[in-house]
Structure formats: structure tokens, C-alpha cells
Amino acid sequence: MITPDIEDEVPDSDELYEKLSLIVDKGQEPLRIDKFLMKRIEGATRNKIQQAIENEMVLVNEKPVKNNYKIRGGDRIIIYDTNTPESSEIIPQDIPLDIILEDDDLFIVNKPV
């Protein structure tokens, strides 16, 4: 289970962080933490997860771990991720258009194949 969480304790930096918390289900088979997180976090790559672990941005039971740590049932995993705002600004391009007809309901453009 992944739940977004906000807490005062974050890594020392001026950056903005997002914190994800996971609690490993009892009976979970031992699995390397990088492989476990790759299956649980959408869009995460093993390389990014390993870098986060090396930078101590992944904590298990409030302690940094190594890439080869095997998760156990009941482990509390906290992942910090830098929250970089995405740009949503749309910049128009100056493209010459061959407009044949334009009114309130219809817009016809002659375009090359």
C-alpha cells in the first residue's frame, strides 16, 4: 500500500520533497528492496531506485539500507522524491497556414500531404 505523507523530517535541503510510505504485508516473500519498489511504484526504474537508496532517500524502519537489503513483512519503507514542478506553459509556433474558410462554426485549412 502506498500513501502520500507529509512530515517535517525530510532530508537536509532547500528542495521540495514528496514522501511515500509503504508497509510490507506480513507473509511477503523476501525480495530485494530495489525489485520490490520497482514493482510498487509506477514509472520507477531500477536505476532511479538504486540511486535513491545510495543517496539515503529510501529508509526502512527509519534507517538507510543498501540495494541488496531484503524486505520482510512489517517493514515500514519511506521513499523521499524530489518534487520538481512540471512546466505546463504552451508556447505557440509561428506556422504559416493556408486558411480556405473560417467562420463561427467551421475552420478549413489546406495542408500539404
N, C-alpha and C. Protein backbone atom coordinates (compact mmCIF):
# COMPACT_ATOMS: atom_id res chain seq x y z
N MET A 1 0.85 -1.17 0.00
CA MET A 1 0.00 0.00 0.00
C MET A 1 0.89 1.23 0.00
N ILE A 2 0.65 2.19 -0.89
CA ILE A 2 1.42 3.43 -0.99
C ILE A 2 0.53 4.57 -0.58
N THR A 3 1.02 5.38 0.38
CA THR A 3 0.24 6.53 0.81
C THR A 3 1.11 7.76 0.82
N PRO A 4 0.69 8.85 0.14
CA PRO A 4 1.44 10.09 0.23
C PRO A 4 1.38 10.60 1.66
N ASP A 5 2.47 11.13 2.15
CA ASP A 5 2.54 11.53 3.54
C ASP A 5 3.38 12.80 3.63
N ILE A 6 3.01 13.71 4.47
CA ILE A 6 3.79 14.93 4.68
C ILE A 6 4.25 14.94 6.13
N GLU A 7 5.53 15.17 6.32
CA GLU A 7 6.09 15.16 7.66
C GLU A 7 7.21 16.18 7.69
N ASP A 8 7.53 16.71 8.86
CA ASP A 8 8.57 17.72 8.98
C ASP A 8 9.96 17.17 8.70
N GLU A 9 10.21 15.90 9.02
CA GLU A 9 11.54 15.34 8.85
C GLU A 9 11.76 14.91 7.42
N VAL A 10 12.55 15.70 6.70
CA VAL A 10 12.93 15.37 5.34
C VAL A 10 14.43 15.55 5.23
N PRO A 11 15.06 15.00 4.21
CA PRO A 11 16.50 15.19 4.05
C PRO A 11 16.84 16.68 4.03
N ASP A 12 18.05 17.01 4.53
CA ASP A 12 18.50 18.40 4.60
C ASP A 12 18.71 18.96 3.20
N SER A 13 17.88 19.93 2.83
CA SER A 13 17.99 20.56 1.53
C SER A 13 16.94 21.65 1.42
N ASP A 14 17.14 22.53 0.43
CA ASP A 14 16.14 23.55 0.16
C ASP A 14 15.10 23.06 -0.84
N GLU A 15 15.29 21.83 -1.35
CA GLU A 15 14.37 21.28 -2.34
C GLU A 15 13.06 20.86 -1.70
N LEU A 16 12.04 20.76 -2.52
CA LEU A 16 10.73 20.30 -2.09
C LEU A 16 10.68 18.79 -2.29
N TYR A 17 10.20 18.04 -1.29
CA TYR A 17 10.17 16.59 -1.36
C TYR A 17 8.75 16.07 -1.23
N GLU A 18 8.52 14.95 -1.89
CA GLU A 18 7.29 14.20 -1.71
C GLU A 18 7.68 12.93 -0.97
N LYS A 19 6.86 12.53 -0.01
CA LYS A 19 7.19 11.37 0.81
C LYS A 19 6.15 10.28 0.59
N LEU A 20 6.60 9.09 0.23
CA LEU A 20 5.73 7.94 0.09
C LEU A 20 6.04 6.95 1.19
N SER A 21 5.01 6.40 1.80
CA SER A 21 5.19 5.40 2.86
C SER A 21 4.57 4.10 2.42
N LEU A 22 5.28 3.01 2.68
CA LEU A 22 4.78 1.67 2.38
C LEU A 22 4.98 0.81 3.61
N ILE A 23 4.03 -0.05 3.86
CA ILE A 23 4.22 -1.05 4.90
C ILE A 23 4.13 -2.40 4.22
N VAL A 24 5.16 -3.21 4.37
CA VAL A 24 5.23 -4.51 3.72
C VAL A 24 4.27 -5.47 4.43
N ASP A 25 3.45 -6.14 3.62
CA ASP A 25 2.48 -7.09 4.17
C ASP A 25 3.18 -8.25 4.86
N LYS A 26 2.56 -8.72 5.94
CA LYS A 26 3.07 -9.93 6.61
C LYS A 26 2.99 -11.07 5.60
N GLY A 27 3.95 -11.95 5.60
CA GLY A 27 3.96 -13.08 4.68
C GLY A 27 4.59 -12.76 3.33
N GLN A 28 5.02 -11.52 3.14
CA GLN A 28 5.68 -11.14 1.89
C GLN A 28 6.99 -11.91 1.79
N GLU A 29 7.23 -12.53 0.65
CA GLU A 29 8.47 -13.28 0.48
C GLU A 29 9.65 -12.30 0.47
N PRO A 30 10.80 -12.71 1.00
CA PRO A 30 11.97 -11.83 0.98
C PRO A 30 12.34 -11.48 -0.46
N LEU A 31 12.49 -10.19 -0.72
CA LEU A 31 12.77 -9.69 -2.06
C LEU A 31 13.66 -8.48 -1.90
N ARG A 32 14.62 -8.34 -2.82
CA ARG A 32 15.49 -7.16 -2.75
C ARG A 32 14.64 -5.90 -2.82
N ILE A 33 15.02 -4.91 -2.03
CA ILE A 33 14.21 -3.70 -1.93
C ILE A 33 14.07 -2.97 -3.26
N ASP A 34 15.13 -2.97 -4.08
CA ASP A 34 15.02 -2.27 -5.37
C ASP A 34 14.00 -2.95 -6.28
N LYS A 35 13.97 -4.27 -6.29
CA LYS A 35 12.99 -5.00 -7.11
C LYS A 35 11.58 -4.82 -6.55
N PHE A 36 11.45 -4.84 -5.23
CA PHE A 36 10.15 -4.64 -4.59
C PHE A 36 9.58 -3.28 -4.95
N LEU A 37 10.39 -2.22 -4.83
CA LEU A 37 9.92 -0.87 -5.12
C LEU A 37 9.62 -0.66 -6.59
N MET A 38 10.39 -1.31 -7.46
CA MET A 38 10.15 -1.18 -8.88
C MET A 38 8.76 -1.72 -9.25
N LYS A 39 8.33 -2.77 -8.56
CA LYS A 39 7.00 -3.35 -8.82
C LYS A 39 5.89 -2.49 -8.23
N ARG A 40 6.19 -1.73 -7.19
CA ARG A 40 5.17 -0.98 -6.47
C ARG A 40 5.00 0.47 -6.90
N ILE A 41 6.02 1.05 -7.51
CA ILE A 41 5.98 2.47 -7.87
C ILE A 41 5.89 2.61 -9.37
N GLU A 42 4.80 3.17 -9.84
CA GLU A 42 4.56 3.34 -11.27
C GLU A 42 5.60 4.27 -11.87
N GLY A 43 6.19 3.84 -12.97
CA GLY A 43 7.15 4.67 -13.70
C GLY A 43 8.55 4.68 -13.12
N ALA A 44 8.78 3.93 -12.04
CA ALA A 44 10.10 3.91 -11.42
C ALA A 44 11.01 2.94 -12.15
N THR A 45 12.25 3.34 -12.36
CA THR A 45 13.23 2.44 -12.96
C THR A 45 14.14 1.92 -11.86
N ARG A 46 14.74 0.79 -12.11
CA ARG A 46 15.63 0.20 -11.10
C ARG A 46 16.83 1.13 -10.84
N ASN A 47 17.32 1.77 -11.90
CA ASN A 47 18.44 2.69 -11.75
C ASN A 47 18.08 3.86 -10.84
N LYS A 48 16.91 4.47 -11.03
CA LYS A 48 16.49 5.59 -10.19
C LYS A 48 16.31 5.15 -8.74
N ILE A 49 15.74 3.96 -8.55
CA ILE A 49 15.54 3.46 -7.19
C ILE A 49 16.88 3.20 -6.53
N GLN A 50 17.82 2.60 -7.26
CA GLN A 50 19.14 2.35 -6.68
C GLN A 50 19.87 3.65 -6.34
N GLN A 51 19.72 4.67 -7.17
CA GLN A 51 20.33 5.97 -6.87
C GLN A 51 19.70 6.57 -5.61
N ALA A 52 18.39 6.45 -5.48
CA ALA A 52 17.70 6.98 -4.29
C ALA A 52 18.18 6.24 -3.04
N ILE A 53 18.37 4.93 -3.15
CA ILE A 53 18.85 4.16 -2.00
C ILE A 53 20.27 4.59 -1.64
N GLU A 54 21.13 4.77 -2.64
CA GLU A 54 22.51 5.21 -2.38
C GLU A 54 22.56 6.60 -1.76
N ASN A 55 21.58 7.47 -2.13
CA ASN A 55 21.53 8.84 -1.59
C ASN A 55 20.75 8.92 -0.28
N GLU A 56 20.44 7.76 0.29
CA GLU A 56 19.71 7.65 1.56
C GLU A 56 18.34 8.33 1.50
N MET A 57 17.70 8.24 0.34
CA MET A 57 16.36 8.77 0.16
C MET A 57 15.31 7.68 0.37
N VAL A 58 15.77 6.45 0.65
CA VAL A 58 14.89 5.33 0.95
C VAL A 58 15.28 4.82 2.33
N LEU A 59 14.31 4.81 3.24
CA LEU A 59 14.56 4.35 4.61
C LEU A 59 13.66 3.15 4.90
N VAL A 60 14.21 2.18 5.60
CA VAL A 60 13.42 1.04 6.07
C VAL A 60 13.49 1.07 7.59
N ASN A 61 12.32 1.13 8.20
CA ASN A 61 12.23 1.23 9.66
C ASN A 61 13.09 2.39 10.17
N GLU A 62 13.00 3.52 9.42
CA GLU A 62 13.66 4.79 9.75
C GLU A 62 15.19 4.75 9.64
N LYS A 63 15.74 3.76 8.92
CA LYS A 63 17.19 3.66 8.74
C LYS A 63 17.51 3.48 7.26
N PRO A 64 18.60 4.09 6.79
CA PRO A 64 19.02 3.87 5.40
C PRO A 64 19.43 2.40 5.21
N VAL A 65 19.23 1.89 4.01
CA VAL A 65 19.60 0.50 3.70
C VAL A 65 20.44 0.47 2.43
N LYS A 66 20.95 -0.71 2.11
CA LYS A 66 21.71 -0.91 0.88
C LYS A 66 20.81 -1.53 -0.17
N ASN A 67 21.26 -1.49 -1.43
CA ASN A 67 20.47 -2.03 -2.54
C ASN A 67 20.13 -3.51 -2.37
N ASN A 68 20.97 -4.26 -1.67
CA ASN A 68 20.74 -5.70 -1.55
C ASN A 68 19.91 -6.06 -0.31
N TYR A 69 19.35 -5.06 0.39
CA TYR A 69 18.50 -5.33 1.55
C TYR A 69 17.28 -6.12 1.10
N LYS A 70 16.95 -7.18 1.85
CA LYS A 70 15.76 -7.98 1.54
C LYS A 70 14.65 -7.59 2.50
N ILE A 71 13.52 -7.19 1.91
CA ILE A 71 12.38 -6.74 2.71
C ILE A 71 11.78 -7.90 3.47
N ARG A 72 11.13 -7.57 4.60
CA ARG A 72 10.44 -8.56 5.43
C ARG A 72 9.07 -8.01 5.77
N GLY A 73 8.16 -8.91 6.08
CA GLY A 73 6.82 -8.50 6.47
C GLY A 73 6.87 -7.54 7.65
N GLY A 74 6.11 -6.46 7.58
CA GLY A 74 6.07 -5.48 8.66
C GLY A 74 7.05 -4.33 8.50
N ASP A 75 7.98 -4.44 7.54
CA ASP A 75 8.93 -3.33 7.30
C ASP A 75 8.16 -2.09 6.90
N ARG A 76 8.57 -0.94 7.44
CA ARG A 76 8.00 0.34 7.04
C ARG A 76 9.01 1.03 6.14
N ILE A 77 8.64 1.23 4.88
CA ILE A 77 9.53 1.82 3.89
C ILE A 77 9.07 3.24 3.62
N ILE A 78 10.02 4.18 3.66
CA ILE A 78 9.74 5.58 3.36
C ILE A 78 10.64 5.98 2.19
N ILE A 79 10.02 6.55 1.15
CA ILE A 79 10.75 6.99 -0.02
C ILE A 79 10.55 8.48 -0.17
N TYR A 80 11.66 9.23 -0.22
CA TYR A 80 11.60 10.66 -0.49
C TYR A 80 11.92 10.87 -1.96
N ASP A 81 11.15 11.73 -2.61
CA ASP A 81 11.36 12.03 -4.02
C ASP A 81 11.35 13.54 -4.18
N THR A 82 12.31 14.04 -4.95
CA THR A 82 12.30 15.48 -5.21
C THR A 82 11.10 15.81 -6.06
N ASN A 83 10.40 16.82 -5.66
CA ASN A 83 9.17 17.21 -6.34
C ASN A 83 9.49 18.39 -7.24
N THR A 84 9.85 18.09 -8.50
CA THR A 84 10.16 19.16 -9.44
C THR A 84 8.91 19.52 -10.21
N PRO A 85 8.51 20.78 -10.15
CA PRO A 85 7.29 21.17 -10.86
C PRO A 85 7.45 21.01 -12.37
N GLU A 86 6.41 20.50 -12.99
CA GLU A 86 6.42 20.34 -14.44
C GLU A 86 5.89 21.61 -15.08
N SER A 87 6.48 21.97 -16.19
CA SER A 87 6.04 23.15 -16.91
C SER A 87 4.81 22.81 -17.74
N SER A 88 3.78 23.62 -17.61
CA SER A 88 2.58 23.39 -18.40
C SER A 88 2.34 24.57 -19.35
N GLU A 89 3.34 25.36 -19.54
CA GLU A 89 3.21 26.51 -20.43
C GLU A 89 3.21 26.04 -21.88
N ILE A 90 2.24 26.50 -22.63
CA ILE A 90 2.14 26.16 -24.05
C ILE A 90 2.65 27.34 -24.85
N ILE A 91 3.65 27.07 -25.67
CA ILE A 91 4.25 28.13 -26.47
C ILE A 91 3.85 27.92 -27.92
N PRO A 92 3.11 28.87 -28.50
CA PRO A 92 2.67 28.70 -29.89
C PRO A 92 3.84 28.86 -30.86
N GLN A 93 3.75 28.15 -31.98
CA GLN A 93 4.74 28.28 -33.03
C GLN A 93 4.15 29.14 -34.15
N ASP A 94 4.99 29.94 -34.77
CA ASP A 94 4.54 30.78 -35.87
C ASP A 94 4.63 29.96 -37.15
N ILE A 95 3.52 29.31 -37.52
CA ILE A 95 3.47 28.46 -38.71
C ILE A 95 2.50 29.10 -39.70
N PRO A 96 2.95 29.32 -40.92
CA PRO A 96 2.02 29.89 -41.91
C PRO A 96 0.94 28.86 -42.27
N LEU A 97 -0.32 29.28 -42.23
CA LEU A 97 -1.44 28.39 -42.55
C LEU A 97 -2.16 28.91 -43.79
N ASP A 98 -2.56 27.98 -44.65
CA ASP A 98 -3.35 28.32 -45.83
C ASP A 98 -4.81 28.11 -45.46
N ILE A 99 -5.44 29.17 -44.91
CA ILE A 99 -6.82 29.09 -44.45
C ILE A 99 -7.75 29.34 -45.62
N ILE A 100 -8.60 28.37 -45.91
CA ILE A 100 -9.55 28.47 -47.02
C ILE A 100 -10.84 29.11 -46.56
N LEU A 101 -11.35 28.68 -45.40
CA LEU A 101 -12.62 29.21 -44.91
C LEU A 101 -12.59 29.22 -43.39
N GLU A 102 -13.11 30.31 -42.82
CA GLU A 102 -13.19 30.41 -41.36
C GLU A 102 -14.45 31.18 -41.00
N ASP A 103 -15.32 30.56 -40.19
CA ASP A 103 -16.47 31.28 -39.64
C ASP A 103 -16.66 30.82 -38.20
N ASP A 104 -17.80 31.10 -37.60
CA ASP A 104 -18.03 30.76 -36.19
C ASP A 104 -18.07 29.26 -35.92
N ASP A 105 -18.44 28.48 -36.93
CA ASP A 105 -18.61 27.04 -36.73
C ASP A 105 -17.61 26.18 -37.47
N LEU A 106 -16.88 26.73 -38.43
CA LEU A 106 -16.06 25.92 -39.31
C LEU A 106 -14.73 26.59 -39.58
N PHE A 107 -13.70 25.74 -39.69
CA PHE A 107 -12.35 26.23 -39.96
C PHE A 107 -11.73 25.24 -40.93
N ILE A 108 -11.42 25.66 -42.16
CA ILE A 108 -10.85 24.77 -43.17
C ILE A 108 -9.45 25.26 -43.50
N VAL A 109 -8.50 24.33 -43.41
CA VAL A 109 -7.10 24.63 -43.68
C VAL A 109 -6.62 23.71 -44.79
N ASN A 110 -5.97 24.29 -45.80
CA ASN A 110 -5.37 23.50 -46.86
C ASN A 110 -3.94 23.17 -46.40
N LYS A 111 -3.67 21.88 -46.22
CA LYS A 111 -2.36 21.48 -45.72
C LYS A 111 -1.71 20.49 -46.67
N PRO A 112 -0.40 20.47 -46.69
CA PRO A 112 0.30 19.52 -47.56
C PRO A 112 0.09 18.08 -47.05
N VAL A 113 0.28 17.12 -47.93
CA VAL A 113 0.10 15.70 -47.59
C VAL A 113 1.12 15.30 -46.56
